[in-house]
Amino acid sequence: MLRRTALLCLWLTTLPHPALACRLALVLGFDVSLSVDAADYAAQRDGIVAALTDPRLRALLLDNPQPVAMAAFEWAGHREQALIADWTLLDSPAAIDRFAATIAAHPRRHRGLTAVGSALTYAVAQLERAPVCTRQTIDLAGDGVRNNGPQPRRIYDTSDLGGITVNGLAIGGLDPEVLQWFRDNVLHGPGAFVEFAASRADFAAAFRRKLIREVQEPLLGMAAAPHHG
């Protein structure tokens, strides 16, 4: 009996350990549709990299025993999504630097229509393969309303997103209605919010504000965004 117990203990110690829990799995989706020119794309890319070097954000990422996991992708038309940076636990300065460098080196792949619902579906699929985390959040940045693929609210009506939060970063300049459209159609789940960048020049500051807010611990009793049906 003792020998059997010892063998069992030895077998258990050789099993692969489950992924360490993190406090947030955050997937970032960035608009590369036709309305996003080279300067707009550079503003998004450089804004992400600048935010990841910000001292306050780094402190929020690192001063917690449970890390944040992050991934990023680009999106445009219905079948136009591409992973920019795969899931990374941002648990050290080196890990954050690697994630930022991957984004900085990414070559843009698409220039299609604006399929926000399809981007949402892709983001949900990425979360299904994310590390085990307490919270899951999708962040979609875009400069226009949906003109291709399913409406976001159709995704919400036909899919079980569980406790996933969907936030937005609306980029103005081309469509004056984009901010309200994001509020009415994109936001979903506990504590959902939208940031606004009035122009490409404002993107970096808006993205930094959004990211700081997302990685902070949520307030107790935070209300969920309405489910649009």
Protein backbone atom coordinates (compact mmCIF):
# COMPACT_ATOMS: atom_id res chain seq x y z
CA MET A 1 0.00 0.00 0.00
CA LEU A 2 2.79 2.42 0.91
CA ARG A 3 4.58 1.57 -2.33
CA ARG A 4 1.39 2.26 -4.32
CA THR A 5 0.92 5.61 -2.57
CA ALA A 6 4.52 6.58 -3.25
CA LEU A 7 4.16 5.71 -6.94
CA LEU A 8 0.94 7.72 -7.16
CA CYS A 9 2.62 10.74 -5.60
CA LEU A 10 5.53 10.42 -8.02
CA TRP A 11 3.13 10.20 -11.00
CA LEU A 12 1.23 13.28 -9.86
CA THR A 13 4.41 15.32 -9.60
CA THR A 14 5.25 14.51 -13.23
CA LEU A 15 1.93 15.82 -14.58
CA PRO A 16 2.14 19.18 -16.36
CA HIS A 17 1.10 22.03 -14.11
CA PRO A 18 -1.89 24.13 -15.22
CA ALA A 19 -1.18 27.66 -16.42
CA LEU A 20 -0.74 30.12 -13.60
CA ALA A 21 -3.84 32.23 -13.07
CA CYS A 22 -3.64 35.85 -14.11
CA ARG A 23 -5.95 38.69 -13.20
CA LEU A 24 -6.87 39.81 -16.73
CA ALA A 25 -6.78 38.42 -20.26
CA LEU A 26 -6.95 41.46 -22.55
CA VAL A 27 -7.16 41.13 -26.32
CA LEU A 28 -6.65 44.31 -28.35
CA GLY A 29 -8.14 44.73 -31.83
CA PHE A 30 -6.98 47.54 -34.13
CA ASP A 31 -8.75 48.88 -37.20
CA VAL A 32 -6.83 48.55 -40.49
CA SER A 33 -9.81 49.11 -42.82
CA LEU A 34 -9.66 51.27 -45.95
CA SER A 35 -10.36 54.45 -43.98
CA VAL A 36 -7.14 53.92 -42.00
CA ASP A 37 -4.28 55.39 -44.03
CA ALA A 38 -0.58 54.85 -43.38
CA ALA A 39 -0.40 57.75 -40.92
CA ASP A 40 -3.45 56.48 -39.01
CA TYR A 41 -1.95 53.00 -38.81
CA ALA A 42 1.36 54.37 -37.57
CA ALA A 43 -0.48 56.39 -34.92
CA GLN A 44 -2.18 53.24 -33.62
CA ARG A 45 0.99 51.15 -33.68
CA ASP A 46 3.17 53.83 -32.10
CA GLY A 47 0.47 54.68 -29.55
CA ILE A 48 0.38 51.09 -28.33
CA VAL A 49 4.14 50.94 -28.02
CA ALA A 50 4.27 54.29 -26.20
CA ALA A 51 1.62 53.17 -23.71
CA LEU A 52 3.56 50.00 -22.93
CA THR A 53 6.62 52.09 -22.02
CA ASP A 54 4.64 54.42 -19.74
CA PRO A 55 5.92 54.21 -16.12
CA ARG A 56 2.46 54.35 -14.54
CA LEU A 57 1.12 51.57 -16.73
CA ARG A 58 4.20 49.44 -16.12
CA ALA A 59 3.76 49.84 -12.38
CA LEU A 60 0.14 48.72 -12.65
CA LEU A 61 1.17 45.72 -14.72
CA LEU A 62 4.06 44.63 -12.50
CA ASP A 63 3.09 45.62 -8.94
CA ASN A 64 0.70 42.70 -8.58
CA PRO A 65 1.46 39.00 -7.98
CA GLN A 66 -1.06 38.04 -10.67
CA PRO A 67 0.03 39.27 -14.11
CA VAL A 68 -1.98 40.51 -17.06
CA ALA A 69 -2.04 38.43 -20.25
CA MET A 70 -2.29 40.39 -23.48
CA ALA A 71 -2.71 39.66 -27.19
CA ALA A 72 -3.27 41.97 -30.16
CA PHE A 73 -4.72 41.63 -33.65
CA GLU A 74 -5.60 43.76 -36.66
CA TRP A 75 -9.03 43.70 -38.28
CA ALA A 76 -10.82 45.06 -41.33
CA GLY A 77 -13.41 43.17 -43.45
CA HIS A 78 -15.44 40.06 -42.64
CA ARG A 79 -12.59 37.60 -43.18
CA GLU A 80 -9.73 40.01 -42.59
CA GLN A 81 -8.19 39.52 -39.19
CA ALA A 82 -4.55 38.78 -38.37
CA LEU A 83 -2.82 38.13 -35.08
CA ILE A 84 -0.20 40.77 -34.34
CA ALA A 85 1.11 39.51 -30.99
CA ASP A 86 0.10 36.22 -29.38
CA TRP A 87 -0.79 35.77 -25.72
CA THR A 88 1.97 37.02 -23.46
CA LEU A 89 2.07 37.17 -19.68
CA LEU A 90 3.30 40.69 -18.95
CA ASP A 91 5.04 39.68 -15.74
CA SER A 92 8.40 41.41 -16.21
CA PRO A 93 9.87 44.45 -17.95
CA ALA A 94 11.45 42.10 -20.50
CA ALA A 95 8.09 40.50 -21.31
CA ILE A 96 6.49 43.92 -21.82
CA ASP A 97 9.40 45.00 -24.03
CA ARG A 98 9.08 41.85 -26.17
CA PHE A 99 5.34 42.37 -26.59
CA ALA A 100 5.85 46.01 -27.60
CA ALA A 101 8.64 45.10 -30.02
CA THR A 102 6.44 42.49 -31.71
CA ILE A 103 3.74 45.10 -32.29
CA ALA A 104 6.26 47.66 -33.55
CA ALA A 105 7.63 45.19 -36.11
CA HIS A 106 4.25 43.97 -37.42
CA PRO A 107 3.62 44.63 -41.15
CA ARG A 108 0.06 45.68 -41.90
CA ARG A 109 -1.77 42.91 -43.80
CA HIS A 110 -5.28 44.16 -44.59
CA ARG A 111 -7.12 47.19 -46.03
CA GLY A 112 -10.75 46.09 -46.30
CA LEU A 113 -14.18 47.15 -45.11
CA THR A 114 -15.25 47.65 -41.49
CA ALA A 115 -16.55 44.38 -40.04
CA VAL A 116 -16.79 45.14 -36.33
CA GLY A 117 -18.93 42.08 -35.57
CA SER A 118 -16.43 39.80 -37.30
CA ALA A 119 -13.61 41.37 -35.29
CA LEU A 120 -15.61 40.67 -32.15
CA THR A 121 -16.05 37.01 -33.12
CA TYR A 122 -12.31 36.71 -33.77
CA ALA A 123 -11.52 38.28 -30.40
CA VAL A 124 -13.80 35.82 -28.59
CA ALA A 125 -11.96 32.96 -30.31
CA GLN A 126 -8.64 34.36 -29.07
CA LEU A 127 -9.95 34.49 -25.50
CA GLU A 128 -10.88 30.81 -25.76
CA ARG A 129 -7.18 30.01 -26.08
CA ALA A 130 -5.97 32.57 -23.55
CA PRO A 131 -4.28 31.75 -20.24
CA VAL A 132 -6.59 31.13 -17.29
CA CYS A 133 -7.46 34.57 -15.92
CA THR A 134 -9.95 36.05 -13.47
CA ARG A 135 -11.32 38.55 -16.00
CA GLN A 136 -11.56 38.60 -19.79
CA THR A 137 -11.75 41.82 -21.81
CA ILE A 138 -11.94 42.66 -25.50
CA ASP A 139 -10.88 46.10 -26.67
CA LEU A 140 -11.81 47.19 -30.20
CA ALA A 141 -10.40 50.40 -31.66
CA GLY A 142 -11.97 51.81 -34.82
CA ASP A 143 -12.63 54.98 -36.80
CA GLY A 144 -15.98 54.09 -38.36
CA VAL A 145 -19.24 52.19 -38.04
CA ARG A 146 -19.79 48.67 -39.30
CA ASN A 147 -20.33 48.34 -43.07
CA ASN A 148 -19.52 44.65 -43.53
CA GLY A 149 -20.18 41.39 -41.71
CA PRO A 150 -22.61 40.86 -38.82
CA GLN A 151 -23.74 43.60 -36.48
CA PRO A 152 -22.07 43.37 -33.03
CA ARG A 153 -25.47 43.13 -31.36
CA ARG A 154 -26.21 40.02 -33.44
CA ILE A 155 -23.10 38.41 -31.97
CA TYR A 156 -24.32 39.30 -28.49
CA ASP A 157 -27.79 37.92 -29.22
CA THR A 158 -26.58 34.60 -30.64
CA SER A 159 -23.47 33.89 -28.56
CA ASP A 160 -22.82 33.29 -24.88
CA LEU A 161 -20.04 35.69 -23.98
CA GLY A 162 -20.34 34.91 -20.29
CA GLY A 163 -18.61 37.56 -18.24
CA ILE A 164 -16.51 38.96 -21.10
CA THR A 165 -16.29 42.76 -21.15
CA VAL A 166 -16.08 44.55 -24.50
CA ASN A 167 -14.62 48.07 -24.46
CA GLY A 168 -14.02 50.45 -27.33
CA LEU A 169 -11.69 53.17 -28.51
CA ALA A 170 -13.53 55.34 -31.01
CA ILE A 171 -11.33 57.40 -33.32
CA GLY A 172 -12.98 60.56 -34.66
CA GLY A 173 -12.11 62.72 -37.61
CA LEU A 174 -13.95 60.86 -40.37
CA ASP A 175 -17.30 59.88 -38.88
CA PRO A 176 -18.86 62.22 -36.28
CA GLU A 177 -21.23 59.43 -35.21
CA VAL A 178 -18.54 56.87 -34.39
CA LEU A 179 -18.45 57.55 -30.64
CA GLN A 180 -22.21 57.15 -30.19
CA TRP A 181 -22.23 54.12 -32.46
CA PHE A 182 -19.61 52.43 -30.29
CA ARG A 183 -21.66 53.24 -27.19
CA ASP A 184 -24.84 51.82 -28.72
CA ASN A 185 -23.42 48.79 -30.50
CA VAL A 186 -20.04 47.69 -29.16
CA LEU A 187 -19.98 48.05 -25.37
CA HIS A 188 -20.90 44.89 -23.50
CA GLY A 189 -20.47 43.34 -20.08
CA PRO A 190 -19.30 44.40 -16.61
CA GLY A 191 -17.83 47.91 -16.46
CA ALA A 192 -17.70 48.36 -20.25
CA PHE A 193 -16.62 51.81 -21.45
CA VAL A 194 -15.43 53.65 -24.55
CA GLU A 195 -12.53 56.07 -24.86
CA PHE A 196 -12.47 58.72 -27.58
CA ALA A 197 -9.60 60.02 -29.69
CA ALA A 198 -10.74 63.08 -31.62
CA SER A 199 -8.00 62.55 -34.20
CA ARG A 200 -4.98 60.36 -34.88
CA ALA A 201 -2.87 62.79 -32.83
CA ASP A 202 -4.98 61.97 -29.77
CA PHE A 203 -4.77 58.19 -30.14
CA ALA A 204 -1.71 57.59 -27.96
CA ALA A 205 -3.13 59.50 -24.97
CA ALA A 206 -6.57 57.90 -25.35
CA PHE A 207 -5.08 54.41 -25.63
CA ARG A 208 -2.92 54.98 -22.56
CA ARG A 209 -5.96 56.14 -20.52
CA LYS A 210 -7.96 53.15 -21.68
CA LEU A 211 -5.23 50.63 -20.93
CA ILE A 212 -4.60 52.05 -17.45
CA ARG A 213 -8.31 51.83 -16.69
CA GLU A 214 -8.53 48.26 -17.99
CA VAL A 215 -5.63 46.82 -16.01
CA GLN A 216 -6.74 48.38 -12.73
CA GLU A 217 -8.80 46.21 -10.43
CA PRO A 218 -12.54 46.66 -11.10
CA LEU A 219 -14.71 48.43 -8.55
CA LEU A 220 -17.09 46.25 -6.58
CA GLY A 221 -20.65 46.49 -7.82
CA MET A 222 -19.61 47.88 -11.20
CA ALA A 223 -22.62 47.89 -13.49
CA ALA A 224 -22.73 45.97 -16.74
CA ALA A 225 -23.19 47.73 -20.05
CA PRO A 226 -26.63 47.18 -21.52
CA HIS A 227 -27.13 44.16 -23.77
CA HIS A 228 -28.40 45.47 -27.10
CA GLY A 229 -31.00 43.30 -28.71
